[in-house]
Amino acid sequence: FVNVGDKMLKMEYDKDMLPDCLSVSFEPDEAASRQEGKIIISYDPSKGHVRDEMSVMLKGLGLSPRMSSIKVKIKND
């Protein structure tokens, strides 16, 4: 991710909407203006109900829910 705003950005996600089989972290979890970072999404198939497509809802971006979500697609090979 890149903080394109003028203020410090604290990266957060909606924990209540996150499926048990996914975990999310940010490096860093706070970013200054123009600073780049990483969104790290991990998948553990042994935890909870797994769907082919799941969403991670980011919080505090000032965007619509559709623009604040990351789609995670699970592909079985």
PDB file of N, CA and C in Angstrom:
ATOM      1  N   PHE A   1       0.827  -1.171   0.000  1.00  0.00           N
ATOM      2  CA  PHE A   1       0.000   0.000   0.000  1.00  0.00           C
ATOM      3  C   PHE A   1       0.874   1.237   0.000  1.00  0.00           C
ATOM      4  N   VAL A   2       0.285   2.379  -0.375  1.00  0.00           N
ATOM      5  CA  VAL A   2       0.961   3.676  -0.327  1.00  0.00           C
ATOM      6  C   VAL A   2       0.009   4.662   0.326  1.00  0.00           C
ATOM      7  N   ASN A   3       0.484   5.399   1.308  1.00  0.00           N
ATOM      8  CA  ASN A   3      -0.316   6.457   1.917  1.00  0.00           C
ATOM      9  C   ASN A   3      -0.239   7.682   1.014  1.00  0.00           C
ATOM     10  N   VAL A   4      -1.296   7.951   0.266  1.00  0.00           N
ATOM     11  CA  VAL A   4      -1.312   9.091  -0.648  1.00  0.00           C
ATOM     12  C   VAL A   4      -1.894  10.338   0.013  1.00  0.00           C
ATOM     13  N   GLY A   5      -2.284  10.231   1.287  1.00  0.00           N
ATOM     14  CA  GLY A   5      -2.823  11.377   2.016  1.00  0.00           C
ATOM     15  C   GLY A   5      -1.724  12.244   2.605  1.00  0.00           C
ATOM     16  N   ASP A   6      -2.153  13.323   3.234  1.00  0.00           N
ATOM     17  CA  ASP A   6      -1.220  14.264   3.852  1.00  0.00           C
ATOM     18  C   ASP A   6      -0.944  13.947   5.313  1.00  0.00           C
ATOM     19  N   LYS A   7      -1.732  13.058   5.902  1.00  0.00           N
ATOM     20  CA  LYS A   7      -1.627  12.745   7.326  1.00  0.00           C
ATOM     21  C   LYS A   7      -1.152  11.309   7.530  1.00  0.00           C
ATOM     22  N   MET A   8      -0.744  11.025   8.760  1.00  0.00           N
ATOM     23  CA  MET A   8      -0.360   9.664   9.138  1.00  0.00           C
ATOM     24  C   MET A   8      -1.557   8.741   8.938  1.00  0.00           C
ATOM     25  N   LEU A   9      -1.320   7.562   8.402  1.00  0.00           N
ATOM     26  CA  LEU A   9      -2.374   6.582   8.144  1.00  0.00           C
ATOM     27  C   LEU A   9      -2.152   5.371   9.032  1.00  0.00           C
ATOM     28  N   LYS A  10      -3.154   5.029   9.831  1.00  0.00           N
ATOM     29  CA  LYS A  10      -3.097   3.822  10.652  1.00  0.00           C
ATOM     30  C   LYS A  10      -3.889   2.747   9.918  1.00  0.00           C
ATOM     31  N   MET A  11      -3.216   1.687   9.535  1.00  0.00           N
ATOM     32  CA  MET A  11      -3.857   0.604   8.806  1.00  0.00           C
ATOM     33  C   MET A  11      -4.585  -0.304   9.783  1.00  0.00           C
ATOM     34  N   GLU A  12      -5.872  -0.570   9.475  1.00  0.00           N
ATOM     35  CA  GLU A  12      -6.707  -1.442  10.298  1.00  0.00           C
ATOM     36  C   GLU A  12      -7.631  -2.235   9.389  1.00  0.00           C
ATOM     37  N   TYR A  13      -8.176  -3.314   9.914  1.00  0.00           N
ATOM     38  CA  TYR A  13      -9.158  -4.111   9.181  1.00  0.00           C
ATOM     39  C   TYR A  13     -10.289  -4.480  10.125  1.00  0.00           C
ATOM     40  N   ASP A  14     -11.415  -4.855   9.552  1.00  0.00           N
ATOM     41  CA  ASP A  14     -12.592  -5.222  10.337  1.00  0.00           C
ATOM     42  C   ASP A  14     -12.444  -6.666  10.814  1.00  0.00           C
ATOM     43  N   LYS A  15     -12.059  -6.838  12.065  1.00  0.00           N
ATOM     44  CA  LYS A  15     -11.814  -8.166  12.630  1.00  0.00           C
ATOM     45  C   LYS A  15     -13.092  -9.001  12.699  1.00  0.00           C
ATOM     46  N   ASP A  16     -14.238  -8.342  12.872  1.00  0.00           N
ATOM     47  CA  ASP A  16     -15.508  -9.066  12.968  1.00  0.00           C
ATOM     48  C   ASP A  16     -15.912  -9.713  11.642  1.00  0.00           C
ATOM     49  N   MET A  17     -15.438  -9.168  10.534  1.00  0.00           N
ATOM     50  CA  MET A  17     -15.816  -9.689   9.215  1.00  0.00           C
ATOM     51  C   MET A  17     -14.761 -10.618   8.627  1.00  0.00           C
ATOM     52  N   LEU A  18     -13.649 -10.798   9.328  1.00  0.00           N
ATOM     53  CA  LEU A  18     -12.565 -11.621   8.800  1.00  0.00           C
ATOM     54  C   LEU A  18     -12.836 -13.103   9.046  1.00  0.00           C
ATOM     55  N   PRO A  19     -12.811 -13.935   7.998  1.00  0.00           N
ATOM     56  CA  PRO A  19     -12.980 -15.376   8.192  1.00  0.00           C
ATOM     57  C   PRO A  19     -11.853 -15.930   9.088  1.00  0.00           C
ATOM     58  N   ASP A  20     -12.162 -16.947   9.876  1.00  0.00           N
ATOM     59  CA  ASP A  20     -11.182 -17.533  10.798  1.00  0.00           C
ATOM     60  C   ASP A  20      -9.945 -18.068  10.093  1.00  0.00           C
ATOM     61  N   CYS A  21     -10.078 -18.467   8.852  1.00  0.00           N
ATOM     62  CA  CYS A  21      -8.958 -19.067   8.130  1.00  0.00           C
ATOM     63  C   CYS A  21      -7.976 -18.028   7.568  1.00  0.00           C
ATOM     64  N   LEU A  22      -8.289 -16.731   7.721  1.00  0.00           N
ATOM     65  CA  LEU A  22      -7.396 -15.677   7.252  1.00  0.00           C
ATOM     66  C   LEU A  22      -6.845 -14.889   8.431  1.00  0.00           C
ATOM     67  N   SER A  23      -5.629 -14.420   8.296  1.00  0.00           N
ATOM     68  CA  SER A  23      -5.067 -13.475   9.252  1.00  0.00           C
ATOM     69  C   SER A  23      -4.442 -12.338   8.452  1.00  0.00           C
ATOM     70  N   VAL A  24      -4.432 -11.146   9.053  1.00  0.00           N
ATOM     71  CA  VAL A  24      -3.969  -9.947   8.360  1.00  0.00           C
ATOM     72  C   VAL A  24      -2.984  -9.205   9.245  1.00  0.00           C
ATOM     73  N   SER A  25      -1.931  -8.681   8.619  1.00  0.00           N
ATOM     74  CA  SER A  25      -1.012  -7.791   9.313  1.00  0.00           C
ATOM     75  C   SER A  25      -0.518  -6.745   8.314  1.00  0.00           C
ATOM     76  N   PHE A  26       0.058  -5.681   8.842  1.00  0.00           N
ATOM     77  CA  PHE A  26       0.559  -4.583   8.027  1.00  0.00           C
ATOM     78  C   PHE A  26       1.992  -4.287   8.433  1.00  0.00           C
ATOM     79  N   GLU A  27       2.835  -3.982   7.457  1.00  0.00           N
ATOM     80  CA  GLU A  27       4.213  -3.578   7.724  1.00  0.00           C
ATOM     81  C   GLU A  27       4.493  -2.306   6.960  1.00  0.00           C
ATOM     82  N   PRO A  28       4.590  -1.166   7.607  1.00  0.00           N
ATOM     83  CA  PRO A  28       4.282  -0.896   9.010  1.00  0.00           C
ATOM     84  C   PRO A  28       2.778  -0.762   9.193  1.00  0.00           C
ATOM     85  N   ASP A  29       2.316  -0.700  10.440  1.00  0.00           N
ATOM     86  CA  ASP A  29       0.867  -0.533  10.659  1.00  0.00           C
ATOM     87  C   ASP A  29       0.474   0.944  10.692  1.00  0.00           C
ATOM     88  N   GLU A  30       1.456   1.839  10.732  1.00  0.00           N
ATOM     89  CA  GLU A  30       1.216   3.276  10.580  1.00  0.00           C
ATOM     90  C   GLU A  30       2.187   3.797   9.538  1.00  0.00           C
ATOM     91  N   ALA A  31       1.670   4.586   8.589  1.00  0.00           N
ATOM     92  CA  ALA A  31       2.498   5.075   7.496  1.00  0.00           C
ATOM     93  C   ALA A  31       2.369   6.588   7.367  1.00  0.00           C
ATOM     94  N   ALA A  32       3.500   7.256   7.229  1.00  0.00           N
ATOM     95  CA  ALA A  32       3.519   8.694   6.990  1.00  0.00           C
ATOM     96  C   ALA A  32       3.101   8.968   5.548  1.00  0.00           C
ATOM     97  N   SER A  33       2.830  10.217   5.252  1.00  0.00           N
ATOM     98  CA  SER A  33       2.458  10.613   3.899  1.00  0.00           C
ATOM     99  C   SER A  33       3.502  10.134   2.891  1.00  0.00           C
ATOM    100  N   ARG A  34       3.053   9.522   1.808  1.00  0.00           N
ATOM    101  CA  ARG A  34       3.862   8.992   0.713  1.00  0.00           C
ATOM    102  C   ARG A  34       4.680   7.750   1.083  1.00  0.00           C
ATOM    103  N   GLN A  35       4.504   7.238   2.289  1.00  0.00           N
ATOM    104  CA  GLN A  35       5.237   6.046   2.702  1.00  0.00           C
ATOM    105  C   GLN A  35       4.561   4.798   2.148  1.00  0.00           C
ATOM    106  N   GLU A  36       5.356   3.831   1.737  1.00  0.00           N
ATOM    107  CA  GLU A  36       4.863   2.549   1.244  1.00  0.00           C
ATOM    108  C   GLU A  36       4.891   1.509   2.355  1.00  0.00           C
ATOM    109  N   GLY A  37       4.037   0.504   2.230  1.00  0.00           N
ATOM    110  CA  GLY A  37       4.011  -0.584   3.192  1.00  0.00           C
ATOM    111  C   GLY A  37       3.463  -1.843   2.540  1.00  0.00           C
ATOM    112  N   LYS A  38       3.286  -2.866   3.352  1.00  0.00           N
ATOM    113  CA  LYS A  38       2.782  -4.156   2.876  1.00  0.00           C
ATOM    114  C   LYS A  38       1.534  -4.551   3.649  1.00  0.00           C
ATOM    115  N   ILE A  39       0.590  -5.147   2.936  1.00  0.00           N
ATOM    116  CA  ILE A  39      -0.551  -5.807   3.546  1.00  0.00           C
ATOM    117  C   ILE A  39      -0.278  -7.300   3.408  1.00  0.00           C
ATOM    118  N   ILE A  40      -0.197  -7.987   4.541  1.00  0.00           N
ATOM    119  CA  ILE A  40       0.136  -9.408   4.532  1.00  0.00           C
ATOM    120  C   ILE A  40      -1.099 -10.200   4.952  1.00  0.00           C
ATOM    121  N   ILE A  41      -1.580 -11.049   4.061  1.00  0.00           N
ATOM    122  CA  ILE A  41      -2.750 -11.885   4.327  1.00  0.00           C
ATOM    123  C   ILE A  41      -2.291 -13.334   4.298  1.00  0.00           C
ATOM    124  N   SER A  42      -2.519 -14.046   5.407  1.00  0.00           N
ATOM    125  CA  SER A  42      -2.141 -15.451   5.510  1.00  0.00           C
ATOM    126  C   SER A  42      -3.391 -16.316   5.540  1.00  0.00           C
ATOM    127  N   TYR A  43      -3.245 -17.508   5.005  1.00  0.00           N
ATOM    128  CA  TYR A  43      -4.359 -18.442   4.885  1.00  0.00           C
ATOM    129  C   TYR A  43      -4.011 -19.744   5.604  1.00  0.00           C
ATOM    130  N   ASP A  44      -4.924 -20.205   6.460  1.00  0.00           N
ATOM    131  CA  ASP A  44      -4.757 -21.479   7.159  1.00  0.00           C
ATOM    132  C   ASP A  44      -6.019 -22.307   6.936  1.00  0.00           C
ATOM    133  N   PRO A  45      -5.977 -23.290   6.023  1.00  0.00           N
ATOM    134  CA  PRO A  45      -7.185 -24.055   5.689  1.00  0.00           C
ATOM    135  C   PRO A  45      -7.721 -24.907   6.835  1.00  0.00           C
ATOM    136  N   SER A  46      -6.917 -25.112   7.883  1.00  0.00           N
ATOM    137  CA  SER A  46      -7.392 -25.934   9.000  1.00  0.00           C
ATOM    138  C   SER A  46      -8.299 -25.169   9.954  1.00  0.00           C
ATOM    139  N   LYS A  47      -8.418 -23.846   9.740  1.00  0.00           N
ATOM    140  CA  LYS A  47      -9.232 -23.021  10.643  1.00  0.00           C
ATOM    141  C   LYS A  47     -10.513 -22.559   9.953  1.00  0.00           C
ATOM    142  N   GLY A  48     -11.616 -23.003  10.457  1.00  0.00           N
ATOM    143  CA  GLY A  48     -12.911 -22.476  10.030  1.00  0.00           C
ATOM    144  C   GLY A  48     -13.342 -22.853   8.631  1.00  0.00           C
ATOM    145  N   HIS A  49     -14.478 -22.281   8.267  1.00  0.00           N
ATOM    146  CA  HIS A  49     -15.121 -22.516   6.979  1.00  0.00           C
ATOM    147  C   HIS A  49     -14.356 -21.774   5.880  1.00  0.00           C
ATOM    148  N   VAL A  50     -14.010 -22.464   4.832  1.00  0.00           N
ATOM    149  CA  VAL A  50     -13.257 -21.884   3.726  1.00  0.00           C
ATOM    150  C   VAL A  50     -14.167 -21.741   2.515  1.00  0.00           C
ATOM    151  N   ARG A  51     -14.156 -20.568   1.925  1.00  0.00           N
ATOM    152  CA  ARG A  51     -14.910 -20.319   0.695  1.00  0.00           C
ATOM    153  C   ARG A  51     -13.915 -20.056  -0.434  1.00  0.00           C
ATOM    154  N   ASP A  52     -14.381 -20.156  -1.659  1.00  0.00           N
ATOM    155  CA  ASP A  52     -13.511 -19.895  -2.809  1.00  0.00           C
ATOM    156  C   ASP A  52     -13.078 -18.435  -2.862  1.00  0.00           C
ATOM    157  N   GLU A  53     -13.943 -17.540  -2.377  1.00  0.00           N
ATOM    158  CA  GLU A  53     -13.628 -16.108  -2.384  1.00  0.00           C
ATOM    159  C   GLU A  53     -14.046 -15.505  -1.053  1.00  0.00           C
ATOM    160  N   MET A  54     -13.144 -14.753  -0.435  1.00  0.00           N
ATOM    161  CA  MET A  54     -13.402 -14.106   0.848  1.00  0.00           C
ATOM    162  C   MET A  54     -12.939 -12.661   0.764  1.00  0.00           C
ATOM    163  N   SER A  55     -13.412 -11.831   1.690  1.00  0.00           N
ATOM    164  CA  SER A  55     -13.041 -10.413   1.686  1.00  0.00           C
ATOM    165  C   SER A  55     -12.351 -10.017   2.978  1.00  0.00           C
ATOM    166  N   VAL A  56     -11.415  -9.101   2.831  1.00  0.00           N
ATOM    167  CA  VAL A  56     -10.796  -8.418   3.965  1.00  0.00           C
ATOM    168  C   VAL A  56     -11.233  -6.966   3.851  1.00  0.00           C
ATOM    169  N   MET A  57     -11.937  -6.475   4.865  1.00  0.00           N
ATOM    170  CA  MET A  57     -12.434  -5.095   4.853  1.00  0.00           C
ATOM    171  C   MET A  57     -11.462  -4.188   5.605  1.00  0.00           C
ATOM    172  N   LEU A  58     -10.851  -3.246   4.894  1.00  0.00           N
ATOM    173  CA  LEU A  58      -9.957  -2.285   5.519  1.00  0.00           C
ATOM    174  C   LEU A  58     -10.782  -1.168   6.133  1.00  0.00           C
ATOM    175  N   LYS A  59     -10.278  -0.587   7.226  1.00  0.00           N
ATOM    176  CA  LYS A  59     -11.010   0.461   7.946  1.00  0.00           C
ATOM    177  C   LYS A  59     -10.226   1.767   7.935  1.00  0.00           C
ATOM    178  N   GLY A  60     -10.960   2.880   8.056  1.00  0.00           N
ATOM    179  CA  GLY A  60     -10.342   4.182   8.248  1.00  0.00           C
ATOM    180  C   GLY A  60      -9.759   4.829   7.016  1.00  0.00           C
ATOM    181  N   LEU A  61     -10.099   4.336   5.836  1.00  0.00           N
ATOM    182  CA  LEU A  61      -9.544   4.910   4.615  1.00  0.00           C
ATOM    183  C   LEU A  61     -10.401   6.033   4.043  1.00  0.00           C
ATOM    184  N   GLY A  62     -11.630   6.167   4.536  1.00  0.00           N
ATOM    185  CA  GLY A  62     -12.518   7.190   4.002  1.00  0.00           C
ATOM    186  C   GLY A  62     -13.073   6.832   2.634  1.00  0.00           C
ATOM    187  N   LEU A  63     -13.087   5.558   2.306  1.00  0.00           N
ATOM    188  CA  LEU A  63     -13.599   5.083   1.021  1.00  0.00           C
ATOM    189  C   LEU A  63     -14.840   4.240   1.243  1.00  0.00           C
ATOM    190  N   SER A  64     -15.561   3.993   0.173  1.00  0.00           N
ATOM    191  CA  SER A  64     -16.744   3.135   0.257  1.00  0.00           C
ATOM    192  C   SER A  64     -16.315   1.716   0.625  1.00  0.00           C
ATOM    193  N   PRO A  65     -17.239   0.904   1.189  1.00  0.00           N
ATOM    194  CA  PRO A  65     -16.887  -0.481   1.508  1.00  0.00           C
ATOM    195  C   PRO A  65     -16.354  -1.255   0.303  1.00  0.00           C
ATOM    196  N   ARG A  66     -16.910  -1.018  -0.860  1.00  0.00           N
ATOM    197  CA  ARG A  66     -16.458  -1.714  -2.059  1.00  0.00           C
ATOM    198  C   ARG A  66     -15.003  -1.356  -2.393  1.00  0.00           C
ATOM    199  N   MET A  67     -14.652  -0.089  -2.189  1.00  0.00           N
ATOM    200  CA  MET A  67     -13.287   0.361  -2.477  1.00  0.00           C
ATOM    201  C   MET A  67     -12.317   0.013  -1.349  1.00  0.00           C
ATOM    202  N   SER A  68     -12.835  -0.354  -0.182  1.00  0.00           N
ATOM    203  CA  SER A  68     -12.000  -0.661   0.986  1.00  0.00           C
ATOM    204  C   SER A  68     -11.832  -2.147   1.225  1.00  0.00           C
ATOM    205  N   SER A  69     -12.253  -2.966   0.277  1.00  0.00           N
ATOM    206  CA  SER A  69     -12.159  -4.413   0.494  1.00  0.00           C
ATOM    207  C   SER A  69     -11.128  -5.036  -0.435  1.00  0.00           C
ATOM    208  N   ILE A  70     -10.513  -6.086   0.073  1.00  0.00           N
ATOM    209  CA  ILE A  70      -9.566  -6.872  -0.710  1.00  0.00           C
ATOM    210  C   ILE A  70     -10.191  -8.249  -0.894  1.00  0.00           C
ATOM    211  N   LYS A  71     -10.312  -8.685  -2.123  1.00  0.00           N
ATOM    212  CA  LYS A  71     -10.854 -10.013  -2.422  1.00  0.00           C
ATOM    213  C   LYS A  71      -9.719 -11.036  -2.376  1.00  0.00           C
ATOM    214  N   VAL A  72      -9.935 -12.089  -1.619  1.00  0.00           N
ATOM    215  CA  VAL A  72      -8.978 -13.193  -1.505  1.00  0.00           C
ATOM    216  C   VAL A  72      -9.614 -14.403  -2.166  1.00  0.00           C
ATOM    217  N   LYS A  73      -8.977 -14.902  -3.202  1.00  0.00           N
ATOM    218  CA  LYS A  73      -9.502 -16.074  -3.911  1.00  0.00           C
ATOM    219  C   LYS A  73      -8.603 -17.266  -3.619  1.00  0.00           C
ATOM    220  N   ILE A  74      -9.229 -18.360  -3.238  1.00  0.00           N
ATOM    221  CA  ILE A  74      -8.517 -19.587  -2.945  1.00  0.00           C
ATOM    222  C   ILE A  74      -8.654 -20.527  -4.128  1.00  0.00           C
ATOM    223  N   LYS A  75      -7.537 -20.936  -4.659  1.00  0.00           N
ATOM    224  CA  LYS A  75      -7.538 -21.827  -5.821  1.00  0.00           C
ATOM    225  C   LYS A  75      -6.903 -23.149  -5.410  1.00  0.00           C
ATOM    226  N   ASN A  76      -7.645 -24.223  -5.598  1.00  0.00           N
ATOM    227  CA  ASN A  76      -7.133 -25.568  -5.320  1.00  0.00           C
ATOM    228  C   ASN A  76      -6.506 -26.140  -6.566  1.00  0.00           C
ATOM    229  N   ASP A  77      -5.277 -26.574  -6.456  1.00  0.00           N
ATOM    230  CA  ASP A  77      -4.593 -27.192  -7.604  1.00  0.00           C
ATOM    231  C   ASP A  77      -4.583 -28.685  -7.470  1.00  0.00           C
TER     232      ASP A  77
END
